[in-house]
C-alpha atoms as a PDB file:
ATOM      1  CA  MET A   1     114.025 103.062  62.052  1.00  0.00           C
ATOM      2  CA  SER A   2     114.885 100.003  64.124  1.00  0.00           C
ATOM      3  CA  PHE A   3     112.533  98.326  66.557  1.00  0.00           C
ATOM      4  CA  PHE A   4     114.633  99.554  69.495  1.00  0.00           C
ATOM      5  CA  SER A   5     114.584 103.143  68.246  1.00  0.00           C
ATOM      6  CA  ARG A   6     110.810 103.008  67.936  1.00  0.00           C
ATOM      7  CA  PHE A   7     110.513 101.350  71.341  1.00  0.00           C
ATOM      8  CA  PHE A   8     112.655 103.995  73.059  1.00  0.00           C
ATOM      9  CA  ARG A   9     110.720 106.751  71.312  1.00  0.00           C
ATOM     10  CA  PHE A  10     107.537 105.211  72.711  1.00  0.00           C
ATOM     11  CA  LEU A  11     109.131 105.076  76.196  1.00  0.00           C
ATOM     12  CA  ARG A  12     110.195 108.737  75.954  1.00  0.00           C
ATOM     13  CA  SER A  13     106.707 109.721  74.852  1.00  0.00           C
ATOM     14  CA  SER A  14     105.245 107.647  77.681  1.00  0.00           C
ATOM     15  CA  PHE A  15     107.476 109.490  80.166  1.00  0.00           C
ATOM     16  CA  VAL A  16     106.214 112.797  78.786  1.00  0.00           C
ATOM     17  CA  GLY A  17     102.733 111.373  79.127  1.00  0.00           C
ATOM     18  CA  ILE A  18     103.387 110.587  82.791  1.00  0.00           C
ATOM     19  CA  LEU A  19     104.481 114.177  83.385  1.00  0.00           C
ATOM     20  CA  ALA A  20     101.426 115.461  81.528  1.00  0.00           C
ATOM     21  CA  THR A  21      99.212 113.142  83.564  1.00  0.00           C
ATOM     22  CA  VAL A  22     100.681 114.459  86.808  1.00  0.00           C
ATOM     23  CA  ALA A  23     100.013 118.018  85.649  1.00  0.00           C
ATOM     24  CA  ASP A  24      96.501 117.051  84.506  1.00  0.00           C
ATOM     25  CA  PHE A  25      95.788 115.279  87.805  1.00  0.00           C
ATOM     26  CA  ALA A  26      97.055 118.187  89.900  1.00  0.00           C
ATOM     27  CA  VAL A  27      94.907 120.711  88.040  1.00  0.00           C
ATOM     28  CA  LEU A  28      91.869 118.423  88.213  1.00  0.00           C
ATOM     29  CA  GLU A  29      92.269 117.990  91.977  1.00  0.00           C
ATOM     30  CA  ILE A  30      92.814 121.707  92.577  1.00  0.00           C
ATOM     31  CA  CYS A  31      89.789 122.632  90.485  1.00  0.00           C
ATOM     32  CA  VAL A  32      87.457 120.052  92.047  1.00  0.00           C
ATOM     33  CA  ARG A  33      88.693 119.881  95.642  1.00  0.00           C
ATOM     34  CA  LEU A  34      89.801 123.464  96.278  1.00  0.00           C
ATOM     35  CA  LEU A  35      87.874 125.567  93.763  1.00  0.00           C
ATOM     36  CA  HIS A  36      84.710 123.386  93.755  1.00  0.00           C
ATOM     37  CA  VAL A  37      84.477 123.281  89.959  1.00  0.00           C
ATOM     38  CA  GLU A  38      82.150 120.588  88.571  1.00  0.00           C
ATOM     39  CA  PRO A  39      84.338 117.542  87.609  1.00  0.00           C
ATOM     40  CA  SER A  40      83.401 117.453  83.907  1.00  0.00           C
ATOM     41  CA  THR A  41      84.242 121.151  83.574  1.00  0.00           C
ATOM     42  CA  ALA A  42      87.424 120.799  85.636  1.00  0.00           C
ATOM     43  CA  LYS A  43      88.528 117.997  83.317  1.00  0.00           C
ATOM     44  CA  ILE A  44      88.603 120.431  80.401  1.00  0.00           C
ATOM     45  CA  PHE A  45      90.988 122.768  82.275  1.00  0.00           C
ATOM     46  CA  SER A  46      93.206 119.913  83.434  1.00  0.00           C
ATOM     47  CA  PHE A  47      93.293 118.484  79.926  1.00  0.00           C
ATOM     48  CA  LEU A  48      94.528 121.781  78.478  1.00  0.00           C
ATOM     49  CA  VAL A  49      97.418 121.911  80.958  1.00  0.00           C
ATOM     50  CA  GLY A  50      98.351 118.328  80.115  1.00  0.00           C
ATOM     51  CA  LEU A  51      98.090 119.246  76.443  1.00  0.00           C
ATOM     52  CA  ALA A  52     100.794 121.907  76.731  1.00  0.00           C
ATOM     53  CA  VAL A  53     103.102 119.471  78.527  1.00  0.00           C
ATOM     54  CA  GLN A  54     102.427 116.838  75.842  1.00  0.00           C
ATOM     55  CA  PHE A  55     103.133 119.128  72.901  1.00  0.00           C
ATOM     56  CA  PHE A  56     106.422 120.583  74.061  1.00  0.00           C
ATOM     57  CA  GLY A  57     107.636 117.384  75.711  1.00  0.00           C
ATOM     58  CA  ASN A  58     106.911 115.219  72.692  1.00  0.00           C
ATOM     59  CA  ARG A  59     108.231 117.756  70.222  1.00  0.00           C
ATOM     60  CA  THR A  60     111.551 118.216  71.984  1.00  0.00           C
ATOM     61  CA  PHE A  61     112.197 115.086  74.032  1.00  0.00           C
ATOM     62  CA  ALA A  62     110.261 112.152  72.600  1.00  0.00           C
ATOM     63  CA  PHE A  63     110.284 112.772  68.845  1.00  0.00           C
ATOM     64  CA  HIS A  64     113.253 115.165  68.584  1.00  0.00           C
ATOM     65  CA  ALA A  65     111.195 117.121  66.066  1.00  0.00           C
ATOM     66  CA  THR A  66     112.484 120.626  66.741  1.00  0.00           C
ATOM     67  CA  GLY A  67     113.795 120.770  63.172  1.00  0.00           C
ATOM     68  CA  GLY A  68     110.258 120.599  61.881  1.00  0.00           C
ATOM     69  CA  SER A  69     107.907 123.506  61.427  1.00  0.00           C
ATOM     70  CA  LEU A  70     106.551 124.601  64.812  1.00  0.00           C
ATOM     71  CA  ARG A  71     103.498 126.113  63.128  1.00  0.00           C
ATOM     72  CA  ARG A  72     102.703 122.956  61.156  1.00  0.00           C
ATOM     73  CA  GLN A  73     103.209 120.741  64.193  1.00  0.00           C
ATOM     74  CA  ALA A  74     101.133 122.995  66.437  1.00  0.00           C
ATOM     75  CA  LEU A  75      98.260 123.104  63.940  1.00  0.00           C
ATOM     76  CA  LEU A  76      98.275 119.339  63.410  1.00  0.00           C
ATOM     77  CA  PHE A  77      98.654 118.738  67.140  1.00  0.00           C
ATOM     78  CA  CYS A  78      95.669 120.997  67.852  1.00  0.00           C
ATOM     79  CA  GLY A  79      93.627 119.131  65.268  1.00  0.00           C
ATOM     80  CA  VAL A  80      94.505 115.755  66.774  1.00  0.00           C
ATOM     81  CA  GLU A  81      93.977 117.042  70.283  1.00  0.00           C
ATOM     82  CA  SER A  82      90.579 118.511  69.467  1.00  0.00           C
ATOM     83  CA  ILE A  83      89.511 114.939  68.743  1.00  0.00           C
ATOM     84  CA  THR A  84      91.389 113.748  71.828  1.00  0.00           C
ATOM     85  CA  LEU A  85      89.623 116.338  74.008  1.00  0.00           C
ATOM     86  CA  THR A  86      86.261 115.098  72.809  1.00  0.00           C
ATOM     87  CA  LEU A  87      87.201 111.450  73.373  1.00  0.00           C
ATOM     88  CA  ASN A  88      88.653 112.243  76.823  1.00  0.00           C
ATOM     89  CA  TRP A  89      85.636 114.223  77.906  1.00  0.00           C
ATOM     90  CA  LEU A  90      83.088 111.672  76.666  1.00  0.00           C
ATOM     91  CA  LEU A  91      84.868 108.700  78.215  1.00  0.00           C
ATOM     92  CA  PHE A  92      85.522 110.570  81.487  1.00  0.00           C
ATOM     93  CA  ARG A  93      81.899 111.663  81.701  1.00  0.00           C
ATOM     94  CA  PHE A  94      80.700 108.104  81.026  1.00  0.00           C
ATOM     95  CA  LEU A  95      82.998 106.568  83.638  1.00  0.00           C
ATOM     96  CA  VAL A  96      82.061 109.129  86.300  1.00  0.00           C
ATOM     97  CA  ARG A  97      78.348 109.512  85.617  1.00  0.00           C
ATOM     98  CA  SER A  98      77.342 106.071  84.365  1.00  0.00           C
ATOM     99  CA  LEU A  99      79.800 103.752  86.103  1.00  0.00           C
ATOM    100  CA  HIS A 100      80.202 106.015  89.162  1.00  0.00           C
ATOM    101  CA  LEU A 101      83.967 105.610  89.219  1.00  0.00           C
ATOM    102  CA  PRO A 102      85.948 108.003  91.412  1.00  0.00           C
ATOM    103  CA  ILE A 103      87.254 110.903  89.313  1.00  0.00           C
ATOM    104  CA  GLU A 104      90.857 109.920  90.012  1.00  0.00           C
ATOM    105  CA  LEU A 105      90.415 106.381  88.695  1.00  0.00           C
ATOM    106  CA  ALA A 106      88.334 107.569  85.751  1.00  0.00           C
ATOM    107  CA  ASN A 107      91.011 110.127  84.880  1.00  0.00           C
ATOM    108  CA  LEU A 108      93.793 107.510  84.857  1.00  0.00           C
ATOM    109  CA  ILE A 109      91.763 105.067  82.765  1.00  0.00           C
ATOM    110  CA  VAL A 110      90.816 107.750  80.249  1.00  0.00           C
ATOM    111  CA  THR A 111      94.372 109.012  79.958  1.00  0.00           C
ATOM    112  CA  PHE A 112      95.802 105.556  79.297  1.00  0.00           C
ATOM    113  CA  VAL A 113      93.127 104.368  76.868  1.00  0.00           C
ATOM    114  CA  ILE A 114      93.138 107.517  74.741  1.00  0.00           C
ATOM    115  CA  TYR A 115      96.957 107.796  74.744  1.00  0.00           C
ATOM    116  CA  VAL A 116      97.627 104.252  73.564  1.00  0.00           C
ATOM    117  CA  GLY A 117      94.620 103.958  71.280  1.00  0.00           C
ATOM    118  CA  PHE A 118      94.628 107.341  69.598  1.00  0.00           C
ATOM    119  CA  SER A 119      97.109 110.032  70.637  1.00  0.00           C
ATOM    120  CA  TYR A 120     100.480 108.307  70.280  1.00  0.00           C
ATOM    121  CA  PRO A 121      99.671 106.839  66.848  1.00  0.00           C
ATOM    122  CA  ALA A 122      98.487 110.258  65.639  1.00  0.00           C
ATOM    123  CA  TRP A 123     101.504 112.089  67.080  1.00  0.00           C
ATOM    124  CA  ARG A 124     103.804 109.942  64.964  1.00  0.00           C
ATOM    125  CA  LEU A 125     102.336 111.835  62.018  1.00  0.00           C
ATOM    126  CA  VAL A 126     102.259 115.236  63.735  1.00  0.00           C
ATOM    127  CA  PHE A 127     105.942 115.164  64.675  1.00  0.00           C
ATOM    128  CA  ARG A 128     107.198 113.727  61.403  1.00  0.00           C
ATOM    129  CA  VAL A 129     110.205 115.733  60.237  1.00  0.00           C
ATOM    130  CA  SER A 130     111.135 115.553  56.570  1.00  0.00           C
ATOM    131  CA  LYS A 131     114.646 114.692  55.419  1.00  0.00           C
ATOM    132  CA  THR A 132     114.942 118.211  54.049  1.00  0.00           C
ATOM    133  CA  HIS A 133     115.438 119.397  57.632  1.00  0.00           C
ATOM    134  CA  GLY A 134     118.845 117.701  57.787  1.00  0.00           C
ATOM    135  CA  GLN A 135     117.790 114.580  59.641  1.00  0.00           C
ATOM    136  CA  GLU A 136     119.637 111.330  59.107  1.00  0.00           C
ATOM    137  CA  PRO A 137     117.466 108.447  57.859  1.00  0.00           C
ATOM    138  CA  GLY A 138     116.282 106.484  60.882  1.00  0.00           C
ATOM    139  CA  GLY A 139     117.726 108.995  63.346  1.00  0.00           C
ATOM    140  CA  PRO A 140     115.904 111.186  65.824  1.00  0.00           C
ATOM    141  CA  GLY A 141     113.174 113.078  64.067  1.00  0.00           C
ATOM    142  CA  ALA A 142     113.225 110.806  61.033  1.00  0.00           C
ATOM    143  CA  PRO A 143     109.936 110.440  59.236  1.00  0.00           C
ATOM    144  CA  SER A 144     107.590 108.112  61.072  1.00  0.00           C
ATOM    145  CA  GLY A 145     107.039 106.286  57.823  1.00  0.00           C
ATOM    146  CA  ALA A 146     110.432 104.679  58.471  1.00  0.00           C
ATOM    147  CA  ALA A 147     109.017 103.278  61.707  1.00  0.00           C
END
């Protein structure tokens, strides 16, 4: 896969991430500001909404991996995201409770740091589609190992 193909895949995934962040942010604000849910608890709910946006957006739009096994991808994605949830929650809690950052700023920092440092690299493995699914080498959905 060429550098430009990888770069545009990263941009597509980043766009999905922006949409997921907007969904996450909206749920966080609704939970905290309107429903008066404690911020660390509200973050779990907002994360799960963002998670759904991430999975389906990355599977279909960013990685073009609809030819791969939905079950396999969902299981791997849930495994990766269980780690991501823990990292998100711990970092968010630290930024809010220890550094006293506003929840909005803490949420944006956490989302960016975990996405670039952990999630995107792991998703390249989750959404890998084998050549047996009729993908052209280096084309959309090609194995990430070609990246």
